[in-house]
């Protein structure tokens, strides 16, 4: 509930008039669904990584000098930071691929588009 409240500004409504014809969803609704899933997945990854950093910091602060607990806490923080780097680098790699192979004005890897079909 709280997560959807913060993400509501970016998420498009699936009942958008551009994808519903006579009350029946069309394939154009997949564009909106794809954009919503990509945005919410990215937001969920960032939220989970932040929580893992906080948990690792709390574990480190409450270790009381015990080497095993400190090692476990350091590993949690390290893996959370590795996750942040992987998430950011995946986005950067996709942008580089898009710029090099599709051009700046070409189709976007982040926007799913189904061409209009007229029989």
N, C-alpha and C. Protein backbone atom coordinates (compact mmCIF):
# COMPACT_ATOMS: atom_id res chain seq x y z
N UNK A 1 0.82 -1.19 0.00
CA UNK A 1 0.00 0.00 0.00
C UNK A 1 0.87 1.25 0.00
N UNK A 2 1.85 1.32 0.90
CA UNK A 2 2.72 2.49 0.97
C UNK A 2 3.56 2.59 -0.29
N UNK A 3 4.04 1.43 -0.78
CA UNK A 3 4.89 1.41 -1.96
C UNK A 3 4.13 1.95 -3.17
N UNK A 4 2.88 1.55 -3.32
CA UNK A 4 2.10 2.03 -4.46
C UNK A 4 1.78 3.52 -4.32
N UNK A 5 1.72 4.03 -3.10
CA UNK A 5 1.47 5.45 -2.90
C UNK A 5 2.62 6.28 -3.45
N UNK A 6 3.87 5.87 -3.18
CA UNK A 6 5.03 6.63 -3.64
C UNK A 6 5.24 6.48 -5.14
N UNK A 7 4.88 5.34 -5.70
CA UNK A 7 5.13 5.08 -7.12
C UNK A 7 3.97 5.52 -8.01
N UNK A 8 2.90 6.01 -7.44
CA UNK A 8 1.70 6.31 -8.22
C UNK A 8 1.94 7.40 -9.26
N UNK A 9 2.87 8.31 -9.02
CA UNK A 9 3.09 9.40 -9.96
C UNK A 9 3.68 8.89 -11.28
N UNK A 10 4.42 7.79 -11.26
CA UNK A 10 5.07 7.29 -12.45
C UNK A 10 4.28 6.18 -13.15
N UNK A 11 3.41 5.52 -12.43
CA UNK A 11 2.69 4.38 -12.98
C UNK A 11 1.49 4.86 -13.77
N UNK A 12 1.32 4.30 -14.97
CA UNK A 12 0.18 4.66 -15.81
C UNK A 12 -0.98 3.72 -15.52
N UNK A 13 -2.18 4.23 -15.67
CA UNK A 13 -3.38 3.45 -15.42
C UNK A 13 -3.61 2.48 -16.58
N UNK A 14 -3.90 1.24 -16.26
CA UNK A 14 -4.11 0.22 -17.28
C UNK A 14 -5.41 0.46 -18.04
N UNK A 15 -6.32 1.26 -17.49
CA UNK A 15 -7.58 1.57 -18.17
C UNK A 15 -7.45 2.82 -19.04
N UNK A 16 -6.24 3.08 -19.51
CA UNK A 16 -5.97 4.21 -20.39
C UNK A 16 -6.83 4.08 -21.65
N UNK A 17 -7.50 5.15 -22.08
CA UNK A 17 -8.37 5.04 -23.26
C UNK A 17 -7.64 4.64 -24.54
N UNK A 18 -6.33 4.81 -24.59
CA UNK A 18 -5.61 4.45 -25.80
C UNK A 18 -5.47 2.94 -25.98
N UNK A 19 -5.71 2.17 -24.93
CA UNK A 19 -5.54 0.71 -25.07
C UNK A 19 -6.85 -0.05 -24.89
N UNK A 20 -7.93 0.63 -24.54
CA UNK A 20 -9.21 -0.05 -24.34
C UNK A 20 -10.16 0.37 -25.46
N UNK A 21 -10.70 -0.63 -26.16
CA UNK A 21 -11.65 -0.38 -27.23
C UNK A 21 -12.98 -1.03 -26.84
N UNK A 22 -14.01 -0.23 -26.69
CA UNK A 22 -15.34 -0.70 -26.29
C UNK A 22 -15.29 -1.52 -25.00
N UNK A 23 -14.46 -1.09 -24.06
CA UNK A 23 -14.37 -1.77 -22.77
C UNK A 23 -13.52 -3.03 -22.77
N UNK A 24 -12.90 -3.36 -23.89
CA UNK A 24 -12.08 -4.57 -23.99
C UNK A 24 -10.61 -4.17 -24.12
N UNK A 25 -9.73 -4.66 -23.23
CA UNK A 25 -8.31 -4.33 -23.36
C UNK A 25 -7.72 -4.93 -24.64
N UNK A 26 -6.83 -4.19 -25.26
CA UNK A 26 -6.15 -4.66 -26.47
C UNK A 26 -4.69 -4.93 -26.15
N UNK A 27 -3.92 -5.31 -27.17
CA UNK A 27 -2.50 -5.57 -26.96
C UNK A 27 -1.74 -4.31 -26.57
N UNK A 28 -2.29 -3.15 -26.88
CA UNK A 28 -1.63 -1.89 -26.50
C UNK A 28 -1.52 -1.77 -24.98
N UNK A 29 -2.37 -2.48 -24.23
CA UNK A 29 -2.29 -2.45 -22.77
C UNK A 29 -1.00 -3.11 -22.28
N UNK A 30 -0.39 -3.97 -23.08
CA UNK A 30 0.87 -4.59 -22.69
C UNK A 30 1.98 -3.55 -22.58
N UNK A 31 1.91 -2.48 -23.38
CA UNK A 31 2.89 -1.41 -23.27
C UNK A 31 2.85 -0.79 -21.88
N UNK A 32 1.65 -0.48 -21.44
CA UNK A 32 1.48 0.14 -20.13
C UNK A 32 1.90 -0.83 -19.03
N UNK A 33 1.51 -2.09 -19.16
CA UNK A 33 1.89 -3.09 -18.17
C UNK A 33 3.40 -3.24 -18.10
N UNK A 34 4.08 -3.28 -19.24
CA UNK A 34 5.53 -3.41 -19.29
C UNK A 34 6.20 -2.22 -18.60
N UNK A 35 5.76 -1.00 -18.91
CA UNK A 35 6.34 0.19 -18.29
C UNK A 35 6.13 0.19 -16.79
N UNK A 36 4.95 -0.22 -16.33
CA UNK A 36 4.67 -0.26 -14.90
C UNK A 36 5.54 -1.30 -14.20
N UNK A 37 5.70 -2.48 -14.81
CA UNK A 37 6.49 -3.54 -14.18
C UNK A 37 7.95 -3.11 -14.10
N UNK A 38 8.50 -2.53 -15.15
CA UNK A 38 9.89 -2.08 -15.15
C UNK A 38 10.11 -1.02 -14.07
N UNK A 39 9.22 -0.05 -13.99
CA UNK A 39 9.37 1.01 -12.99
C UNK A 39 9.27 0.46 -11.57
N UNK A 40 8.25 -0.36 -11.31
CA UNK A 40 8.07 -0.88 -9.96
C UNK A 40 9.16 -1.86 -9.57
N UNK A 41 9.69 -2.64 -10.52
CA UNK A 41 10.80 -3.56 -10.22
C UNK A 41 12.05 -2.77 -9.84
N UNK A 42 12.33 -1.71 -10.55
CA UNK A 42 13.47 -0.87 -10.21
C UNK A 42 13.32 -0.23 -8.84
N UNK A 43 12.13 0.25 -8.55
CA UNK A 43 11.88 0.85 -7.24
C UNK A 43 11.99 -0.19 -6.13
N UNK A 44 11.52 -1.40 -6.38
CA UNK A 44 11.60 -2.47 -5.38
C UNK A 44 13.05 -2.86 -5.12
N UNK A 45 13.87 -2.92 -6.17
CA UNK A 45 15.28 -3.26 -6.00
C UNK A 45 15.98 -2.21 -5.15
N UNK A 46 15.75 -0.95 -5.42
CA UNK A 46 16.37 0.12 -4.65
C UNK A 46 15.92 0.06 -3.19
N UNK A 47 14.64 -0.19 -2.96
CA UNK A 47 14.13 -0.28 -1.59
C UNK A 47 14.75 -1.46 -0.85
N UNK A 48 14.84 -2.62 -1.49
CA UNK A 48 15.42 -3.80 -0.85
C UNK A 48 16.90 -3.58 -0.55
N UNK A 49 17.63 -2.97 -1.47
CA UNK A 49 19.04 -2.73 -1.23
C UNK A 49 19.25 -1.74 -0.08
N UNK A 50 18.40 -0.73 0.01
CA UNK A 50 18.50 0.20 1.13
C UNK A 50 18.23 -0.51 2.46
N UNK A 51 17.21 -1.36 2.49
CA UNK A 51 16.89 -2.09 3.72
C UNK A 51 18.05 -3.00 4.10
N UNK A 52 18.69 -3.64 3.12
CA UNK A 52 19.82 -4.51 3.42
C UNK A 52 21.01 -3.72 3.98
N UNK A 53 21.23 -2.52 3.48
CA UNK A 53 22.28 -1.67 4.05
C UNK A 53 21.98 -1.31 5.49
N UNK A 54 20.74 -0.97 5.77
CA UNK A 54 20.35 -0.63 7.15
C UNK A 54 20.48 -1.84 8.06
N UNK A 55 20.06 -3.02 7.59
CA UNK A 55 20.16 -4.24 8.40
C UNK A 55 21.63 -4.56 8.68
N UNK A 56 22.48 -4.46 7.67
CA UNK A 56 23.91 -4.73 7.86
C UNK A 56 24.54 -3.76 8.83
N UNK A 57 24.17 -2.47 8.74
CA UNK A 57 24.69 -1.48 9.68
C UNK A 57 24.21 -1.76 11.10
N UNK A 58 22.96 -2.16 11.25
CA UNK A 58 22.44 -2.49 12.58
C UNK A 58 23.14 -3.72 13.15
N UNK A 59 23.37 -4.72 12.30
CA UNK A 59 24.08 -5.91 12.75
C UNK A 59 25.50 -5.57 13.18
N UNK A 60 26.15 -4.66 12.47
CA UNK A 60 27.51 -4.26 12.80
C UNK A 60 27.54 -3.51 14.13
N UNK A 61 26.57 -2.62 14.32
CA UNK A 61 26.54 -1.83 15.56
C UNK A 61 26.22 -2.68 16.78
N UNK A 62 25.43 -3.73 16.59
CA UNK A 62 25.05 -4.57 17.73
C UNK A 62 25.91 -5.83 17.86
N UNK A 63 27.01 -5.92 17.12
CA UNK A 63 27.85 -7.12 17.19
C UNK A 63 28.59 -7.23 18.51
N UNK A 64 28.85 -6.13 19.17
CA UNK A 64 29.50 -6.17 20.48
C UNK A 64 30.94 -6.66 20.41
N UNK A 65 31.59 -6.50 19.29
CA UNK A 65 32.99 -6.89 19.16
C UNK A 65 33.19 -8.36 18.80
N UNK A 66 32.11 -9.11 18.68
CA UNK A 66 32.21 -10.52 18.29
C UNK A 66 32.61 -10.61 16.82
N UNK A 67 33.74 -11.27 16.54
CA UNK A 67 34.28 -11.31 15.19
C UNK A 67 33.34 -11.99 14.19
N UNK A 68 32.68 -13.04 14.61
CA UNK A 68 31.77 -13.75 13.70
C UNK A 68 30.60 -12.86 13.29
N UNK A 69 30.03 -12.14 14.27
CA UNK A 69 28.91 -11.25 13.97
C UNK A 69 29.37 -10.06 13.12
N UNK A 70 30.58 -9.55 13.39
CA UNK A 70 31.09 -8.44 12.60
C UNK A 70 31.35 -8.87 11.16
N UNK A 71 31.87 -10.08 10.97
CA UNK A 71 32.10 -10.59 9.62
C UNK A 71 30.79 -10.77 8.87
N UNK A 72 29.78 -11.28 9.57
CA UNK A 72 28.46 -11.46 8.95
C UNK A 72 27.87 -10.10 8.55
N UNK A 73 28.01 -9.10 9.41
CA UNK A 73 27.50 -7.77 9.12
C UNK A 73 28.25 -7.14 7.95
N UNK A 74 29.57 -7.29 7.93
CA UNK A 74 30.37 -6.74 6.82
C UNK A 74 29.98 -7.40 5.50
N UNK A 75 29.74 -8.71 5.53
CA UNK A 75 29.32 -9.40 4.31
C UNK A 75 27.97 -8.90 3.83
N UNK A 76 27.05 -8.64 4.74
CA UNK A 76 25.73 -8.12 4.36
C UNK A 76 25.87 -6.76 3.70
N UNK A 77 26.68 -5.89 4.28
CA UNK A 77 26.89 -4.56 3.71
C UNK A 77 27.58 -4.67 2.35
N UNK A 78 28.57 -5.54 2.26
CA UNK A 78 29.30 -5.72 1.00
C UNK A 78 28.37 -6.21 -0.11
N UNK A 79 27.55 -7.21 0.20
CA UNK A 79 26.64 -7.74 -0.82
C UNK A 79 25.59 -6.72 -1.21
N UNK A 80 25.14 -5.89 -0.27
CA UNK A 80 24.18 -4.84 -0.61
C UNK A 80 24.82 -3.81 -1.53
N UNK A 81 26.07 -3.44 -1.27
CA UNK A 81 26.76 -2.49 -2.14
C UNK A 81 27.04 -3.09 -3.51
N UNK A 82 27.36 -4.38 -3.56
CA UNK A 82 27.55 -5.06 -4.84
C UNK A 82 26.23 -5.05 -5.62
N UNK A 83 25.12 -5.25 -4.93
CA UNK A 83 23.81 -5.20 -5.58
C UNK A 83 23.51 -3.82 -6.14
N UNK A 84 23.86 -2.77 -5.41
CA UNK A 84 23.66 -1.41 -5.91
C UNK A 84 24.48 -1.18 -7.17
N UNK A 85 25.74 -1.61 -7.13
CA UNK A 85 26.62 -1.43 -8.29
C UNK A 85 26.09 -2.22 -9.50
N UNK A 86 25.66 -3.46 -9.28
CA UNK A 86 25.12 -4.26 -10.38
C UNK A 86 23.85 -3.64 -10.97
N UNK A 87 22.98 -3.15 -10.12
CA UNK A 87 21.74 -2.53 -10.59
C UNK A 87 22.05 -1.28 -11.42
N UNK A 88 22.93 -0.44 -10.92
CA UNK A 88 23.27 0.79 -11.63
C UNK A 88 24.03 0.48 -12.93
N UNK A 89 24.91 -0.50 -12.89
CA UNK A 89 25.68 -0.82 -14.10
C UNK A 89 24.79 -1.47 -15.16
N UNK A 90 23.78 -2.23 -14.77
CA UNK A 90 22.88 -2.82 -15.76
C UNK A 90 22.11 -1.73 -16.50
N UNK A 91 21.68 -0.72 -15.78
CA UNK A 91 20.99 0.40 -16.41
C UNK A 91 21.95 1.16 -17.33
N UNK A 92 23.19 1.36 -16.89
CA UNK A 92 24.17 2.05 -17.69
C UNK A 92 24.51 1.26 -18.96
N UNK A 93 24.66 -0.04 -18.84
CA UNK A 93 24.97 -0.89 -19.99
C UNK A 93 23.84 -0.84 -21.02
N UNK A 94 22.60 -0.89 -20.55
CA UNK A 94 21.47 -0.81 -21.49
C UNK A 94 21.44 0.55 -22.19
N UNK A 95 21.77 1.61 -21.48
CA UNK A 95 21.81 2.93 -22.12
C UNK A 95 22.93 3.02 -23.15
N UNK A 96 24.09 2.41 -22.85
CA UNK A 96 25.20 2.40 -23.81
C UNK A 96 24.82 1.60 -25.05
N UNK A 97 24.20 0.43 -24.85
CA UNK A 97 23.77 -0.38 -25.99
C UNK A 97 22.77 0.38 -26.85
N UNK A 98 21.84 1.05 -26.20
CA UNK A 98 20.84 1.81 -26.94
C UNK A 98 21.49 2.93 -27.74
N UNK A 99 22.43 3.65 -27.14
CA UNK A 99 23.07 4.76 -27.83
C UNK A 99 23.94 4.28 -28.99
N UNK A 100 24.70 3.20 -28.78
CA UNK A 100 25.62 2.73 -29.82
C UNK A 100 24.91 2.05 -30.98
N UNK A 101 23.93 1.22 -30.68
CA UNK A 101 23.33 0.40 -31.72
C UNK A 101 21.99 0.92 -32.24
N UNK A 102 21.25 1.65 -31.44
CA UNK A 102 19.94 2.13 -31.87
C UNK A 102 19.91 3.63 -32.12
N UNK A 103 20.93 4.33 -31.67
CA UNK A 103 20.99 5.78 -31.85
C UNK A 103 20.16 6.49 -30.80
N UNK A 104 20.43 7.76 -30.65
CA UNK A 104 19.71 8.55 -29.65
C UNK A 104 18.24 8.72 -30.00
N UNK A 105 17.95 8.82 -31.30
CA UNK A 105 16.58 9.05 -31.74
C UNK A 105 15.87 7.77 -32.14
N UNK A 106 16.54 6.63 -31.99
CA UNK A 106 15.95 5.35 -32.39
C UNK A 106 15.00 4.83 -31.34
N UNK A 107 14.56 3.59 -31.50
CA UNK A 107 13.65 3.01 -30.51
C UNK A 107 14.34 2.85 -29.16
N UNK A 108 13.58 2.92 -28.11
CA UNK A 108 14.12 2.85 -26.76
C UNK A 108 14.01 1.42 -26.22
N UNK A 109 15.04 1.00 -25.51
CA UNK A 109 15.00 -0.31 -24.85
C UNK A 109 14.10 -0.29 -23.62
N UNK A 110 13.81 0.88 -23.13
CA UNK A 110 13.04 1.00 -21.90
C UNK A 110 11.56 1.24 -22.14
N UNK A 111 11.18 1.47 -23.38
CA UNK A 111 9.78 1.68 -23.73
C UNK A 111 9.34 0.61 -24.71
N UNK A 112 8.47 -0.25 -24.27
CA UNK A 112 7.92 -1.30 -25.11
C UNK A 112 6.83 -0.69 -25.97
N UNK A 113 6.89 -0.91 -27.28
CA UNK A 113 5.90 -0.30 -28.18
C UNK A 113 5.40 -1.33 -29.18
N UNK A 114 4.10 -1.49 -29.24
CA UNK A 114 3.46 -2.35 -30.21
C UNK A 114 2.92 -1.47 -31.32
N UNK A 115 3.37 -1.66 -32.56
CA UNK A 115 2.88 -0.82 -33.64
C UNK A 115 1.38 -1.00 -33.88
N UNK A 116 0.74 0.05 -34.34
CA UNK A 116 -0.69 -0.03 -34.65
C UNK A 116 -0.91 -0.98 -35.81
N UNK A 117 -1.95 -1.77 -35.69
CA UNK A 117 -2.28 -2.74 -36.73
C UNK A 117 -3.67 -2.45 -37.24
N UNK A 118 -3.77 -2.17 -38.50
CA UNK A 118 -5.07 -1.91 -39.13
C UNK A 118 -5.32 -2.98 -40.17
N UNK A 119 -6.33 -3.83 -39.99
CA UNK A 119 -6.59 -4.89 -40.98
C UNK A 119 -7.18 -4.36 -42.25
